Amino acid sequence: MTEDQANAVAEALGGEPWNSGGGIWLVRFSRSDGRLVIASDDAVCEYEDEEAFDRGDATTMIVLC
């Protein structure tokens, strides 16, 4: 997703736009239980914590088609 899209999604849903590098923008949602939800233009993934995100170890993934 583009920076503008990430900003719009983050504003609408209460997340934080995040540039993951290479012009790729994501939206991060930090939950009160420490879990992390990441939305891209092709999937929404939940991670147990920041370390699981760094490893790419999603506990739940919804692929957007």
C-alpha atoms as a PDB file:
ATOM      1  CA  MET A   1       0.000   0.000   0.000  1.00  0.00           C
ATOM      2  CA  THR A   2       1.123   3.550  -0.538  1.00  0.00           C
ATOM      3  CA  GLU A   3       1.862   6.055   2.210  1.00  0.00           C
ATOM      4  CA  ASP A   4      -1.421   7.859   1.540  1.00  0.00           C
ATOM      5  CA  GLN A   5      -3.383   4.603   1.741  1.00  0.00           C
ATOM      6  CA  ALA A   6      -1.632   3.588   4.979  1.00  0.00           C
ATOM      7  CA  ASN A   7      -2.371   6.973   6.511  1.00  0.00           C
ATOM      8  CA  ALA A   8      -6.046   6.744   5.522  1.00  0.00           C
ATOM      9  CA  VAL A   9      -6.467   3.203   6.881  1.00  0.00           C
ATOM     10  CA  ALA A  10      -4.610   4.073  10.091  1.00  0.00           C
ATOM     11  CA  GLU A  11      -6.742   7.151  10.650  1.00  0.00           C
ATOM     12  CA  ALA A  12      -9.993   5.313   9.942  1.00  0.00           C
ATOM     13  CA  LEU A  13      -9.205   2.286  12.120  1.00  0.00           C
ATOM     14  CA  GLY A  14      -6.975   3.740  14.817  1.00  0.00           C
ATOM     15  CA  GLY A  15      -3.704   2.172  13.730  1.00  0.00           C
ATOM     16  CA  GLU A  16      -0.261   3.525  13.001  1.00  0.00           C
ATOM     17  CA  PRO A  17       1.142   3.844   9.451  1.00  0.00           C
ATOM     18  CA  TRP A  18       4.534   2.177   9.194  1.00  0.00           C
ATOM     19  CA  ASN A  19       7.099   2.125   6.387  1.00  0.00           C
ATOM     20  CA  SER A  20       8.615  -1.358   6.285  1.00  0.00           C
ATOM     21  CA  GLY A  21      11.199  -0.310   3.719  1.00  0.00           C
ATOM     22  CA  GLY A  22      11.391  -0.329  -0.039  1.00  0.00           C
ATOM     23  CA  GLY A  23       8.346   1.908  -0.373  1.00  0.00           C
ATOM     24  CA  ILE A  24       6.091  -0.678   1.290  1.00  0.00           C
ATOM     25  CA  TRP A  25       3.640   0.765   3.804  1.00  0.00           C
ATOM     26  CA  LEU A  26       1.760  -1.217   6.445  1.00  0.00           C
ATOM     27  CA  VAL A  27      -0.643  -0.343   9.227  1.00  0.00           C
ATOM     28  CA  ARG A  28       0.233  -1.530  12.741  1.00  0.00           C
ATOM     29  CA  PHE A  29      -2.269  -2.082  15.517  1.00  0.00           C
ATOM     30  CA  SER A  30      -0.856  -2.716  18.986  1.00  0.00           C
ATOM     31  CA  ARG A  31      -3.358  -4.549  21.176  1.00  0.00           C
ATOM     32  CA  SER A  32      -3.612  -4.128  24.936  1.00  0.00           C
ATOM     33  CA  ASP A  33      -2.677  -7.806  25.408  1.00  0.00           C
ATOM     34  CA  GLY A  34       0.677  -7.266  23.669  1.00  0.00           C
ATOM     35  CA  ARG A  35      -0.337  -8.823  20.370  1.00  0.00           C
ATOM     36  CA  LEU A  36       0.404  -7.009  17.160  1.00  0.00           C
ATOM     37  CA  VAL A  37      -1.868  -6.835  14.106  1.00  0.00           C
ATOM     38  CA  ILE A  38      -0.364  -5.808  10.770  1.00  0.00           C
ATOM     39  CA  ALA A  39      -2.444  -4.862   7.722  1.00  0.00           C
ATOM     40  CA  SER A  40      -0.995  -4.698   4.232  1.00  0.00           C
ATOM     41  CA  ASP A  41      -2.753  -4.392   0.905  1.00  0.00           C
ATOM     42  CA  ASP A  42      -2.877  -8.180   0.557  1.00  0.00           C
ATOM     43  CA  ALA A  43      -3.215  -9.592   4.104  1.00  0.00           C
ATOM     44  CA  VAL A  44      -4.014  -8.914   7.747  1.00  0.00           C
ATOM     45  CA  CYS A  45      -1.839 -10.849  10.203  1.00  0.00           C
ATOM     46  CA  GLU A  46      -1.789 -11.202  13.968  1.00  0.00           C
ATOM     47  CA  TYR A  47       1.458 -11.812  15.828  1.00  0.00           C
ATOM     48  CA  GLU A  48       1.962 -12.895  19.424  1.00  0.00           C
ATOM     49  CA  ASP A  49       4.401 -10.048  20.020  1.00  0.00           C
ATOM     50  CA  GLU A  50       7.038  -7.852  18.356  1.00  0.00           C
ATOM     51  CA  GLU A  51       9.576 -10.704  18.269  1.00  0.00           C
ATOM     52  CA  ALA A  52       7.109 -12.979  16.461  1.00  0.00           C
ATOM     53  CA  PHE A  53       6.558 -10.212  13.908  1.00  0.00           C
ATOM     54  CA  ASP A  54      10.315  -9.876  13.386  1.00  0.00           C
ATOM     55  CA  ARG A  55      10.486 -13.653  12.760  1.00  0.00           C
ATOM     56  CA  GLY A  56       7.474 -13.555  10.421  1.00  0.00           C
ATOM     57  CA  ASP A  57       5.655 -16.012  12.675  1.00  0.00           C
ATOM     58  CA  ALA A  58       1.982 -14.999  12.372  1.00  0.00           C
ATOM     59  CA  THR A  59      -0.557 -16.804  14.553  1.00  0.00           C
ATOM     60  CA  THR A  60      -3.441 -15.774  12.284  1.00  0.00           C
ATOM     61  CA  MET A  61      -3.506 -14.605   8.673  1.00  0.00           C
ATOM     62  CA  ILE A  62      -6.366 -13.384   6.532  1.00  0.00           C
ATOM     63  CA  VAL A  63      -5.434 -13.117   2.868  1.00  0.00           C
ATOM     64  CA  LEU A  64      -7.231 -10.308   1.028  1.00  0.00           C
ATOM     65  CA  CYS A  65      -7.990 -11.122  -2.587  1.00  0.00           C
END
